[in-house]
Amino acid sequence: MQNDESANKLEQSEAAEREAAKQRLLAQAESERVPVEDTTRAVPDRRWRREQR
């Protein structure tokens, strides 16, 4: 019975650590996220090809 309780506590502890790590990663990713409005869209510039001909 004692082993079951300690194993259950260990599992709960590991689950809590995994959840905390997940939340830290999500928070870090959110802080580093660049909004779509702030990015520039790459537009092909074909003028240089005309000049090379």
N, C-alpha and C. Protein backbone atom coordinates (compact mmCIF):
# COMPACT_ATOMS: atom_id res chain seq x y z
N MET A 1 0.83 -1.20 0.00
CA MET A 1 0.00 0.00 0.00
C MET A 1 0.87 1.26 0.00
N GLN A 2 1.92 1.26 0.79
CA GLN A 2 2.82 2.41 0.87
C GLN A 2 3.48 2.68 -0.48
N ASN A 3 3.86 1.62 -1.19
CA ASN A 3 4.49 1.78 -2.49
C ASN A 3 3.53 2.42 -3.50
N ASP A 4 2.27 2.02 -3.45
CA ASP A 4 1.27 2.59 -4.36
C ASP A 4 1.12 4.09 -4.12
N GLU A 5 1.09 4.48 -2.86
CA GLU A 5 0.94 5.90 -2.53
C GLU A 5 2.15 6.71 -2.99
N SER A 6 3.34 6.19 -2.74
CA SER A 6 4.54 6.93 -3.14
C SER A 6 4.66 6.97 -4.67
N ALA A 7 4.28 5.89 -5.35
CA ALA A 7 4.32 5.89 -6.81
C ALA A 7 3.31 6.90 -7.36
N ASN A 8 2.14 6.97 -6.74
CA ASN A 8 1.12 7.91 -7.18
C ASN A 8 1.59 9.35 -6.97
N LYS A 9 2.23 9.62 -5.84
CA LYS A 9 2.75 10.96 -5.57
C LYS A 9 3.85 11.32 -6.57
N LEU A 10 4.69 10.34 -6.89
CA LEU A 10 5.75 10.56 -7.87
C LEU A 10 5.15 10.88 -9.24
N GLU A 11 4.15 10.14 -9.64
CA GLU A 11 3.49 10.39 -10.92
C GLU A 11 2.85 11.77 -10.95
N GLN A 12 2.20 12.14 -9.87
CA GLN A 12 1.58 13.47 -9.80
C GLN A 12 2.64 14.56 -9.85
N SER A 13 3.74 14.34 -9.17
CA SER A 13 4.82 15.31 -9.17
C SER A 13 5.41 15.48 -10.57
N GLU A 14 5.63 14.36 -11.25
CA GLU A 14 6.17 14.41 -12.61
C GLU A 14 5.19 15.09 -13.57
N ALA A 15 3.92 14.80 -13.40
CA ALA A 15 2.90 15.43 -14.25
C ALA A 15 2.88 16.93 -14.02
N ALA A 16 3.01 17.35 -12.77
CA ALA A 16 3.02 18.78 -12.46
C ALA A 16 4.26 19.45 -13.06
N GLU A 17 5.41 18.76 -13.00
CA GLU A 17 6.64 19.31 -13.58
C GLU A 17 6.51 19.44 -15.09
N ARG A 18 5.93 18.43 -15.73
CA ARG A 18 5.73 18.49 -17.19
C ARG A 18 4.80 19.64 -17.56
N GLU A 19 3.73 19.80 -16.81
CA GLU A 19 2.79 20.89 -17.09
C GLU A 19 3.46 22.25 -16.89
N ALA A 20 4.27 22.38 -15.84
CA ALA A 20 4.97 23.64 -15.60
C ALA A 20 5.95 23.92 -16.73
N ALA A 21 6.66 22.90 -17.19
CA ALA A 21 7.60 23.08 -18.30
C ALA A 21 6.86 23.48 -19.57
N LYS A 22 5.72 22.86 -19.79
CA LYS A 22 4.90 23.18 -20.96
C LYS A 22 4.46 24.64 -20.91
N GLN A 23 4.02 25.08 -19.75
CA GLN A 23 3.58 26.47 -19.61
C GLN A 23 4.73 27.45 -19.83
N ARG A 24 5.93 27.09 -19.32
CA ARG A 24 7.10 27.95 -19.54
C ARG A 24 7.43 28.06 -21.03
N LEU A 25 7.38 26.93 -21.73
CA LEU A 25 7.66 26.94 -23.16
C LEU A 25 6.63 27.77 -23.93
N LEU A 26 5.37 27.61 -23.57
CA LEU A 26 4.32 28.38 -24.23
C LEU A 26 4.50 29.88 -23.97
N ALA A 27 4.83 30.23 -22.75
CA ALA A 27 5.04 31.64 -22.41
C ALA A 27 6.24 32.21 -23.17
N GLN A 28 7.31 31.43 -23.27
CA GLN A 28 8.49 31.88 -24.01
C GLN A 28 8.16 32.04 -25.49
N ALA A 29 7.46 31.08 -26.06
CA ALA A 29 7.10 31.16 -27.48
C ALA A 29 6.20 32.37 -27.73
N GLU A 30 5.28 32.63 -26.84
CA GLU A 30 4.38 33.77 -27.01
C GLU A 30 5.16 35.08 -26.92
N SER A 31 6.15 35.15 -26.03
CA SER A 31 6.92 36.38 -25.89
C SER A 31 7.80 36.63 -27.10
N GLU A 32 8.21 35.56 -27.80
CA GLU A 32 9.08 35.69 -28.97
C GLU A 32 8.29 35.76 -30.28
N ARG A 33 6.99 35.61 -30.20
CA ARG A 33 6.16 35.59 -31.40
C ARG A 33 6.13 36.96 -32.06
N VAL A 34 6.20 36.97 -33.37
CA VAL A 34 6.12 38.21 -34.12
C VAL A 34 4.75 38.25 -34.79
N PRO A 35 3.96 39.28 -34.50
CA PRO A 35 2.63 39.36 -35.12
C PRO A 35 2.74 39.42 -36.64
N VAL A 36 1.77 38.86 -37.31
CA VAL A 36 1.78 38.81 -38.77
C VAL A 36 1.85 40.22 -39.36
N GLU A 37 1.21 41.16 -38.71
CA GLU A 37 1.20 42.54 -39.21
C GLU A 37 2.60 43.13 -39.24
N ASP A 38 3.49 42.63 -38.38
CA ASP A 38 4.85 43.18 -38.29
C ASP A 38 5.83 42.51 -39.24
N THR A 39 5.40 41.53 -39.96
CA THR A 39 6.31 40.86 -40.89
C THR A 39 6.15 41.45 -42.27
N THR A 40 7.17 41.34 -43.06
CA THR A 40 7.08 41.83 -44.44
C THR A 40 6.92 40.65 -45.36
N ARG A 41 6.14 40.82 -46.37
CA ARG A 41 5.91 39.76 -47.33
C ARG A 41 6.95 39.88 -48.43
N ALA A 42 7.56 38.77 -48.74
CA ALA A 42 8.55 38.76 -49.81
C ALA A 42 7.83 38.87 -51.15
N VAL A 43 8.18 39.90 -51.90
CA VAL A 43 7.57 40.11 -53.22
C VAL A 43 8.67 39.92 -54.25
N PRO A 44 8.47 39.03 -55.21
CA PRO A 44 9.52 38.82 -56.21
C PRO A 44 9.76 40.10 -57.02
N ASP A 45 11.00 40.42 -57.15
CA ASP A 45 11.38 41.60 -57.92
C ASP A 45 12.03 41.11 -59.21
N ARG A 46 11.33 41.21 -60.30
CA ARG A 46 11.81 40.65 -61.56
C ARG A 46 12.57 41.69 -62.40
N ARG A 47 12.68 42.92 -61.91
CA ARG A 47 13.36 43.96 -62.69
C ARG A 47 14.81 43.59 -62.94
N TRP A 48 15.49 42.98 -61.98
CA TRP A 48 16.90 42.67 -62.15
C TRP A 48 17.09 41.65 -63.27
N ARG A 49 16.11 40.82 -63.51
CA ARG A 49 16.23 39.84 -64.59
C ARG A 49 16.18 40.53 -65.94
N ARG A 50 15.34 41.56 -66.07
CA ARG A 50 15.25 42.29 -67.33
C ARG A 50 16.57 43.00 -67.63
N GLU A 51 17.20 43.52 -66.58
CA GLU A 51 18.46 44.26 -66.76
C GLU A 51 19.59 43.33 -67.14
N GLN A 52 19.50 42.06 -66.76
CA GLN A 52 20.59 41.14 -67.06
C GLN A 52 20.55 40.61 -68.48
N ARG A 53 19.44 40.71 -69.15
CA ARG A 53 19.33 40.16 -70.51
C ARG A 53 20.13 40.92 -71.52
